């Protein structure tokens, strides 16, 4: 009797467990599939060139090529759209751009910014200004091929296509706060208070140097002449008059 009671209790528990068990739902299966799925590939590394400033050598602008995280002290960065020569990545990708830019001669400081922008133009890069130096903040103005002038904001990407001239000037200057301006006047004002780069001329120069040289023209043969080399026409010797 006791064995029957025990057997009956065990059978009741087993049946109850079967009733409580639920079949796997689609959500459960999805979670299981997600747990067994392969990890997503890491994002591709992007090579970029940053502008840095150091107090050494009288105030030095430097280039930093890297496909890693953006340096904390980067003033600007650009992503090239043209191949970068391997030598640019030597010395951990760092090279000096211009020195003696931190003294009282503000022109050298603006020249450092413009030298960096010229580098970006040479690689047809997409430029982004990140932050200013506290002791000498600057502003970037652009003149496009319709003679329209605009001030480029920080943290926005700048592409050089369609631009004629860019200028680095003191941040508080209002000399270029206009709607339109002739290129010569824009360049003159920019050079007077800061420094400029003729983007259109730089890009044209790069395109012409990259264009393949046209093959030399071959002389066309005369009509009816054989393609082989023609024999020279004999010339009669000059005659002398009789005495």
C-alpha atoms as a PDB file:
ATOM      1  CA  UNK A   1       0.000   0.000   0.000  1.00  0.00           C
ATOM      2  CA  UNK A   2       2.816   2.323   0.856  1.00  0.00           C
ATOM      3  CA  UNK A   3       4.623   1.509  -2.370  1.00  0.00           C
ATOM      4  CA  UNK A   4       1.502   2.217  -4.384  1.00  0.00           C
ATOM      5  CA  UNK A   5       1.074   5.541  -2.671  1.00  0.00           C
ATOM      6  CA  UNK A   6       4.679   6.489  -3.385  1.00  0.00           C
ATOM      7  CA  UNK A   7       4.385   5.412  -7.005  1.00  0.00           C
ATOM      8  CA  UNK A   8       1.221   7.420  -7.400  1.00  0.00           C
ATOM      9  CA  UNK A   9       2.827  10.531  -5.894  1.00  0.00           C
ATOM     10  CA  UNK A  10       5.854  10.299  -8.232  1.00  0.00           C
ATOM     11  CA  UNK A  11       3.633   9.804 -11.261  1.00  0.00           C
ATOM     12  CA  UNK A  12       1.560  12.826 -10.288  1.00  0.00           C
ATOM     13  CA  UNK A  13       4.719  14.993  -9.962  1.00  0.00           C
ATOM     14  CA  UNK A  14       6.025  13.843 -13.361  1.00  0.00           C
ATOM     15  CA  UNK A  15       2.740  14.619 -15.062  1.00  0.00           C
ATOM     16  CA  UNK A  16       2.577  18.020 -13.395  1.00  0.00           C
ATOM     17  CA  UNK A  17       6.120  18.818 -14.612  1.00  0.00           C
ATOM     18  CA  UNK A  18       5.169  17.852 -18.137  1.00  0.00           C
ATOM     19  CA  UNK A  19       2.103  20.089 -18.008  1.00  0.00           C
ATOM     20  CA  UNK A  20       4.159  23.044 -16.781  1.00  0.00           C
ATOM     21  CA  UNK A  21       6.900  22.697 -19.405  1.00  0.00           C
ATOM     22  CA  UNK A  22       6.377  25.073 -22.326  1.00  0.00           C
ATOM     23  CA  UNK A  23       7.613  24.599 -25.886  1.00  0.00           C
ATOM     24  CA  UNK A  24      10.362  27.035 -26.992  1.00  0.00           C
ATOM     25  CA  UNK A  25       8.925  30.209 -28.471  1.00  0.00           C
ATOM     26  CA  UNK A  26      10.280  32.179 -31.439  1.00  0.00           C
ATOM     27  CA  UNK A  27      11.794  34.723 -29.035  1.00  0.00           C
ATOM     28  CA  UNK A  28      13.649  31.980 -27.168  1.00  0.00           C
ATOM     29  CA  UNK A  29      14.942  30.541 -30.421  1.00  0.00           C
ATOM     30  CA  UNK A  30      16.040  34.017 -31.585  1.00  0.00           C
ATOM     31  CA  UNK A  31      17.973  34.558 -28.360  1.00  0.00           C
ATOM     32  CA  UNK A  32      19.653  31.212 -28.753  1.00  0.00           C
ATOM     33  CA  UNK A  33      20.574  31.978 -32.360  1.00  0.00           C
ATOM     34  CA  UNK A  34      21.929  35.412 -31.360  1.00  0.00           C
ATOM     35  CA  UNK A  35      24.074  33.847 -28.668  1.00  0.00           C
ATOM     36  CA  UNK A  36      25.604  31.413 -31.156  1.00  0.00           C
ATOM     37  CA  UNK A  37      26.029  33.971 -33.986  1.00  0.00           C
ATOM     38  CA  UNK A  38      29.539  35.050 -35.001  1.00  0.00           C
ATOM     39  CA  UNK A  39      30.727  38.421 -33.615  1.00  0.00           C
ATOM     40  CA  UNK A  40      30.447  41.421 -35.933  1.00  0.00           C
ATOM     41  CA  UNK A  41      33.682  42.397 -37.722  1.00  0.00           C
ATOM     42  CA  UNK A  42      35.577  45.395 -36.373  1.00  0.00           C
ATOM     43  CA  UNK A  43      35.064  48.646 -38.336  1.00  0.00           C
ATOM     44  CA  UNK A  44      37.676  49.355 -40.985  1.00  0.00           C
ATOM     45  CA  UNK A  45      40.478  51.682 -39.929  1.00  0.00           C
ATOM     46  CA  UNK A  46      40.556  55.094 -41.596  1.00  0.00           C
ATOM     47  CA  UNK A  47      43.850  56.864 -42.247  1.00  0.00           C
ATOM     48  CA  UNK A  48      43.741  60.542 -41.330  1.00  0.00           C
ATOM     49  CA  UNK A  49      46.185  63.404 -40.832  1.00  0.00           C
ATOM     50  CA  UNK A  50      45.848  65.617 -37.744  1.00  0.00           C
ATOM     51  CA  UNK A  51      47.291  69.042 -36.994  1.00  0.00           C
ATOM     52  CA  UNK A  52      49.099  69.305 -33.652  1.00  0.00           C
ATOM     53  CA  UNK A  53      50.853  72.192 -31.894  1.00  0.00           C
ATOM     54  CA  UNK A  54      53.793  71.922 -29.509  1.00  0.00           C
ATOM     55  CA  UNK A  55      55.539  74.581 -27.441  1.00  0.00           C
ATOM     56  CA  UNK A  56      58.955  73.237 -28.529  1.00  0.00           C
ATOM     57  CA  UNK A  57      61.090  75.029 -31.153  1.00  0.00           C
ATOM     58  CA  UNK A  58      59.408  78.356 -30.470  1.00  0.00           C
ATOM     59  CA  UNK A  59      55.953  76.932 -31.137  1.00  0.00           C
ATOM     60  CA  UNK A  60      55.802  74.116 -33.672  1.00  0.00           C
ATOM     61  CA  UNK A  61      53.001  72.849 -35.887  1.00  0.00           C
ATOM     62  CA  UNK A  62      53.210  69.117 -36.624  1.00  0.00           C
ATOM     63  CA  UNK A  63      51.445  66.580 -38.824  1.00  0.00           C
ATOM     64  CA  UNK A  64      50.294  63.279 -37.357  1.00  0.00           C
ATOM     65  CA  UNK A  65      49.302  60.507 -39.778  1.00  0.00           C
ATOM     66  CA  UNK A  66      47.458  57.664 -38.092  1.00  0.00           C
ATOM     67  CA  UNK A  67      44.674  55.128 -38.561  1.00  0.00           C
ATOM     68  CA  UNK A  68      44.027  54.997 -34.821  1.00  0.00           C
ATOM     69  CA  UNK A  69      42.011  57.215 -32.482  1.00  0.00           C
ATOM     70  CA  UNK A  70      42.143  60.975 -32.984  1.00  0.00           C
ATOM     71  CA  UNK A  71      44.762  62.606 -30.715  1.00  0.00           C
ATOM     72  CA  UNK A  72      43.274  64.525 -27.797  1.00  0.00           C
ATOM     73  CA  UNK A  73      45.250  67.662 -28.693  1.00  0.00           C
ATOM     74  CA  UNK A  74      44.370  67.667 -32.414  1.00  0.00           C
ATOM     75  CA  UNK A  75      43.413  71.100 -33.765  1.00  0.00           C
ATOM     76  CA  UNK A  76      42.111  69.743 -37.074  1.00  0.00           C
ATOM     77  CA  UNK A  77      42.079  66.552 -39.110  1.00  0.00           C
ATOM     78  CA  UNK A  78      41.486  65.481 -42.701  1.00  0.00           C
ATOM     79  CA  UNK A  79      40.833  62.173 -44.425  1.00  0.00           C
ATOM     80  CA  UNK A  80      42.726  61.845 -47.730  1.00  0.00           C
ATOM     81  CA  UNK A  81      40.974  60.590 -50.847  1.00  0.00           C
ATOM     82  CA  UNK A  82      44.266  60.052 -52.694  1.00  0.00           C
ATOM     83  CA  UNK A  83      46.943  57.430 -51.958  1.00  0.00           C
ATOM     84  CA  UNK A  84      49.386  58.411 -49.209  1.00  0.00           C
ATOM     85  CA  UNK A  85      53.094  57.685 -49.844  1.00  0.00           C
ATOM     86  CA  UNK A  86      54.552  55.160 -47.351  1.00  0.00           C
ATOM     87  CA  UNK A  87      57.233  57.603 -46.161  1.00  0.00           C
ATOM     88  CA  UNK A  88      54.501  59.763 -44.613  1.00  0.00           C
ATOM     89  CA  UNK A  89      53.950  57.010 -42.041  1.00  0.00           C
ATOM     90  CA  UNK A  90      57.591  56.836 -40.903  1.00  0.00           C
ATOM     91  CA  UNK A  91      58.563  58.072 -37.420  1.00  0.00           C
ATOM     92  CA  UNK A  92      55.128  56.949 -36.206  1.00  0.00           C
ATOM     93  CA  UNK A  93      53.543  59.215 -38.817  1.00  0.00           C
ATOM     94  CA  UNK A  94      54.700  62.446 -37.146  1.00  0.00           C
ATOM     95  CA  UNK A  95      56.599  65.234 -38.910  1.00  0.00           C
ATOM     96  CA  UNK A  96      57.301  68.905 -38.320  1.00  0.00           C
ATOM     97  CA  UNK A  97      55.363  71.344 -40.447  1.00  0.00           C
ATOM     98  CA  UNK A  98      56.556  74.803 -39.332  1.00  0.00           C
ATOM     99  CA  UNK A  99      58.405  76.147 -36.278  1.00  0.00           C
ATOM    100  CA  UNK A 100      58.744  79.522 -34.494  1.00  0.00           C
ATOM    101  CA  UNK A 101      54.966  79.910 -34.772  1.00  0.00           C
ATOM    102  CA  UNK A 102      54.265  80.638 -31.109  1.00  0.00           C
ATOM    103  CA  UNK A 103      56.047  83.973 -30.733  1.00  0.00           C
ATOM    104  CA  UNK A 104      54.853  87.539 -31.189  1.00  0.00           C
ATOM    105  CA  UNK A 105      54.964  87.177 -34.981  1.00  0.00           C
ATOM    106  CA  UNK A 106      51.344  86.139 -35.585  1.00  0.00           C
ATOM    107  CA  UNK A 107      51.978  85.718 -39.310  1.00  0.00           C
ATOM    108  CA  UNK A 108      54.009  82.542 -38.688  1.00  0.00           C
ATOM    109  CA  UNK A 109      51.099  81.067 -36.741  1.00  0.00           C
ATOM    110  CA  UNK A 110      48.648  81.699 -39.596  1.00  0.00           C
ATOM    111  CA  UNK A 111      51.191  80.302 -42.066  1.00  0.00           C
ATOM    112  CA  UNK A 112      51.243  77.080 -40.057  1.00  0.00           C
ATOM    113  CA  UNK A 113      47.485  76.677 -40.418  1.00  0.00           C
ATOM    114  CA  UNK A 114      47.666  77.418 -44.139  1.00  0.00           C
ATOM    115  CA  UNK A 115      50.546  74.952 -44.621  1.00  0.00           C
ATOM    116  CA  UNK A 116      48.331  72.282 -43.118  1.00  0.00           C
ATOM    117  CA  UNK A 117      45.396  73.247 -45.356  1.00  0.00           C
ATOM    118  CA  UNK A 118      47.692  73.043 -48.409  1.00  0.00           C
ATOM    119  CA  UNK A 119      48.583  69.508 -47.346  1.00  0.00           C
ATOM    120  CA  UNK A 120      44.892  68.658 -47.132  1.00  0.00           C
ATOM    121  CA  UNK A 121      44.300  70.138 -50.596  1.00  0.00           C
ATOM    122  CA  UNK A 122      47.192  68.120 -52.049  1.00  0.00           C
ATOM    123  CA  UNK A 123      45.474  64.898 -50.952  1.00  0.00           C
ATOM    124  CA  UNK A 124      41.997  66.185 -51.907  1.00  0.00           C
ATOM    125  CA  UNK A 125      41.143  65.625 -48.268  1.00  0.00           C
ATOM    126  CA  UNK A 126      37.949  66.174 -46.326  1.00  0.00           C
ATOM    127  CA  UNK A 127      38.893  68.691 -43.643  1.00  0.00           C
ATOM    128  CA  UNK A 128      37.402  69.177 -40.199  1.00  0.00           C
ATOM    129  CA  UNK A 129      38.389  71.905 -37.745  1.00  0.00           C
ATOM    130  CA  UNK A 130      38.261  70.636 -34.166  1.00  0.00           C
ATOM    131  CA  UNK A 131      39.415  73.321 -31.746  1.00  0.00           C
ATOM    132  CA  UNK A 132      41.411  76.540 -31.399  1.00  0.00           C
ATOM    133  CA  UNK A 133      44.497  77.474 -29.448  1.00  0.00           C
ATOM    134  CA  UNK A 134      43.517  79.712 -26.542  1.00  0.00           C
ATOM    135  CA  UNK A 135      46.349  82.161 -27.060  1.00  0.00           C
ATOM    136  CA  UNK A 136      45.587  82.761 -30.769  1.00  0.00           C
ATOM    137  CA  UNK A 137      42.164  81.566 -32.005  1.00  0.00           C
ATOM    138  CA  UNK A 138      41.503  81.643 -35.727  1.00  0.00           C
ATOM    139  CA  UNK A 139      38.589  81.533 -38.178  1.00  0.00           C
ATOM    140  CA  UNK A 140      38.467  79.910 -41.621  1.00  0.00           C
ATOM    141  CA  UNK A 141      36.778  81.771 -44.495  1.00  0.00           C
ATOM    142  CA  UNK A 142      36.097  80.317 -47.951  1.00  0.00           C
ATOM    143  CA  UNK A 143      35.559  81.956 -51.338  1.00  0.00           C
ATOM    144  CA  UNK A 144      33.876  79.733 -53.920  1.00  0.00           C
ATOM    145  CA  UNK A 145      33.698  79.890 -57.716  1.00  0.00           C
ATOM    146  CA  UNK A 146      30.614  82.129 -57.557  1.00  0.00           C
ATOM    147  CA  UNK A 147      32.570  84.716 -55.489  1.00  0.00           C
ATOM    148  CA  UNK A 148      30.423  83.879 -52.451  1.00  0.00           C
ATOM    149  CA  UNK A 149      32.110  84.143 -49.049  1.00  0.00           C
ATOM    150  CA  UNK A 150      31.289  81.993 -46.038  1.00  0.00           C
ATOM    151  CA  UNK A 151      32.790  81.346 -42.637  1.00  0.00           C
ATOM    152  CA  UNK A 152      33.359  77.646 -42.103  1.00  0.00           C
ATOM    153  CA  UNK A 153      32.204  76.364 -38.697  1.00  0.00           C
ATOM    154  CA  UNK A 154      34.198  74.064 -36.453  1.00  0.00           C
ATOM    155  CA  UNK A 155      33.229  70.354 -36.388  1.00  0.00           C
ATOM    156  CA  UNK A 156      31.798  70.571 -39.921  1.00  0.00           C
ATOM    157  CA  UNK A 157      33.445  68.764 -42.839  1.00  0.00           C
ATOM    158  CA  UNK A 158      34.919  70.938 -45.595  1.00  0.00           C
ATOM    159  CA  UNK A 159      35.455  69.669 -49.138  1.00  0.00           C
ATOM    160  CA  UNK A 160      37.623  71.792 -51.416  1.00  0.00           C
ATOM    161  CA  UNK A 161      35.791  71.177 -54.680  1.00  0.00           C
ATOM    162  CA  UNK A 162      34.396  74.445 -56.045  1.00  0.00           C
ATOM    163  CA  UNK A 163      36.509  76.676 -53.782  1.00  0.00           C
ATOM    164  CA  UNK A 164      38.884  79.330 -55.094  1.00  0.00           C
ATOM    165  CA  UNK A 165      40.600  80.696 -51.984  1.00  0.00           C
ATOM    166  CA  UNK A 166      40.559  79.976 -48.245  1.00  0.00           C
ATOM    167  CA  UNK A 167      41.833  82.316 -45.544  1.00  0.00           C
ATOM    168  CA  UNK A 168      42.930  81.833 -41.941  1.00  0.00           C
ATOM    169  CA  UNK A 169      42.379  85.063 -40.006  1.00  0.00           C
ATOM    170  CA  UNK A 170      41.999  86.115 -36.352  1.00  0.00           C
ATOM    171  CA  UNK A 171      38.789  84.743 -34.871  1.00  0.00           C
ATOM    172  CA  UNK A 172      37.459  88.188 -33.946  1.00  0.00           C
ATOM    173  CA  UNK A 173      38.185  89.778 -37.323  1.00  0.00           C
ATOM    174  CA  UNK A 174      35.188  90.947 -39.373  1.00  0.00           C
ATOM    175  CA  UNK A 175      37.044  91.968 -42.535  1.00  0.00           C
ATOM    176  CA  UNK A 176      35.678  88.986 -44.481  1.00  0.00           C
ATOM    177  CA  UNK A 177      32.139  89.057 -43.106  1.00  0.00           C
ATOM    178  CA  UNK A 178      30.633  89.807 -46.526  1.00  0.00           C
ATOM    179  CA  UNK A 179      28.304  88.025 -48.919  1.00  0.00           C
ATOM    180  CA  UNK A 180      30.390  88.302 -52.088  1.00  0.00           C
ATOM    181  CA  UNK A 181      33.891  89.498 -52.920  1.00  0.00           C
ATOM    182  CA  UNK A 182      36.240  89.458 -55.883  1.00  0.00           C
ATOM    183  CA  UNK A 183      39.065  86.898 -55.523  1.00  0.00           C
ATOM    184  CA  UNK A 184      41.790  89.557 -55.603  1.00  0.00           C
ATOM    185  CA  UNK A 185      40.091  91.559 -52.850  1.00  0.00           C
ATOM    186  CA  UNK A 186      39.472  88.436 -50.767  1.00  0.00           C
ATOM    187  CA  UNK A 187      43.110  87.390 -51.074  1.00  0.00           C
ATOM    188  CA  UNK A 188      44.345  90.905 -50.306  1.00  0.00           C
ATOM    189  CA  UNK A 189      42.242  91.210 -47.167  1.00  0.00           C
ATOM    190  CA  UNK A 190      43.151  87.713 -46.027  1.00  0.00           C
ATOM    191  CA  UNK A 191      46.869  88.291 -46.483  1.00  0.00           C
ATOM    192  CA  UNK A 192      46.694  91.638 -44.687  1.00  0.00           C
ATOM    193  CA  UNK A 193      45.221  90.203 -41.484  1.00  0.00           C
ATOM    194  CA  UNK A 194      46.145  86.523 -41.757  1.00  0.00           C
ATOM    195  CA  UNK A 195      47.211  84.099 -44.495  1.00  0.00           C
ATOM    196  CA  UNK A 196      45.541  82.586 -47.578  1.00  0.00           C
ATOM    197  CA  UNK A 197      45.757  79.606 -49.917  1.00  0.00           C
ATOM    198  CA  UNK A 198      44.551  79.633 -53.521  1.00  0.00           C
ATOM    199  CA  UNK A 199      42.726  76.317 -53.526  1.00  0.00           C
ATOM    200  CA  UNK A 200      41.658  76.453 -57.168  1.00  0.00           C
ATOM    201  CA  UNK A 201      45.225  77.032 -58.366  1.00  0.00           C
ATOM    202  CA  UNK A 202      46.576  74.261 -56.117  1.00  0.00           C
ATOM    203  CA  UNK A 203      44.005  71.734 -57.337  1.00  0.00           C
ATOM    204  CA  UNK A 204      44.575  72.682 -60.999  1.00  0.00           C
ATOM    205  CA  UNK A 205      48.311  72.257 -60.503  1.00  0.00           C
ATOM    206  CA  UNK A 206      47.795  68.821 -58.961  1.00  0.00           C
ATOM    207  CA  UNK A 207      45.470  67.720 -61.754  1.00  0.00           C
ATOM    208  CA  UNK A 208      47.846  68.881 -64.490  1.00  0.00           C
ATOM    209  CA  UNK A 209      50.833  67.151 -62.879  1.00  0.00           C
ATOM    210  CA  UNK A 210      48.832  63.922 -62.499  1.00  0.00           C
ATOM    211  CA  UNK A 211      47.524  63.967 -66.102  1.00  0.00           C
ATOM    212  CA  UNK A 212      49.430  61.632 -68.481  1.00  0.00           C
ATOM    213  CA  UNK A 213      51.577  63.354 -71.075  1.00  0.00           C
ATOM    214  CA  UNK A 214      50.104  63.298 -74.577  1.00  0.00           C
ATOM    215  CA  UNK A 215      52.130  61.247 -77.108  1.00  0.00           C
ATOM    216  CA  UNK A 216      54.186  63.254 -79.611  1.00  0.00           C
ATOM    217  CA  UNK A 217      52.568  63.856 -82.961  1.00  0.00           C
ATOM    218  CA  UNK A 218      54.053  61.967 -85.902  1.00  0.00           C
ATOM    219  CA  UNK A 219      54.503  63.848 -89.174  1.00  0.00           C
ATOM    220  CA  UNK A 220      51.852  62.922 -91.725  1.00  0.00           C
ATOM    221  CA  UNK A 221      53.187  61.735 -95.090  1.00  0.00           C
ATOM    222  CA  UNK A 222      52.545  63.861 -98.163  1.00  0.00           C
ATOM    223  CA  UNK A 223      49.645  62.887-100.389  1.00  0.00           C
ATOM    224  CA  UNK A 224      50.637  60.122-102.761  1.00  0.00           C
ATOM    225  CA  UNK A 225      54.011  59.609-101.064  1.00  0.00           C
ATOM    226  CA  UNK A 226      55.180  56.234 -99.878  1.00  0.00           C
ATOM    227  CA  UNK A 227      55.389  55.752 -96.121  1.00  0.00           C
ATOM    228  CA  UNK A 228      59.024  54.772 -96.674  1.00  0.00           C
ATOM    229  CA  UNK A 229      61.664  57.463 -96.519  1.00  0.00           C
ATOM    230  CA  UNK A 230      61.744  59.425 -99.746  1.00  0.00           C
ATOM    231  CA  UNK A 231      65.031  59.874-101.570  1.00  0.00           C
ATOM    232  CA  UNK A 232      66.291  63.441-101.494  1.00  0.00           C
ATOM    233  CA  UNK A 233      65.693  65.440-104.637  1.00  0.00           C
ATOM    234  CA  UNK A 234      69.022  66.053-106.445  1.00  0.00           C
ATOM    235  CA  UNK A 235      70.008  69.674-106.674  1.00  0.00           C
ATOM    236  CA  UNK A 236      71.756  70.917-109.834  1.00  0.00           C
ATOM    237  CA  UNK A 237      75.105  72.614-109.228  1.00  0.00           C
ATOM    238  CA  UNK A 238      75.135  76.351-109.836  1.00  0.00           C
ATOM    239  CA  UNK A 239      76.281  77.423-113.318  1.00  0.00           C
ATOM    240  CA  UNK A 240      78.867  80.087-113.871  1.00  0.00           C
ATOM    241  CA  UNK A 241      78.633  82.530-116.715  1.00  0.00           C
ATOM    242  CA  UNK A 242      81.194  82.306-119.593  1.00  0.00           C
ATOM    243  CA  UNK A 243      83.863  84.935-120.172  1.00  0.00           C
END
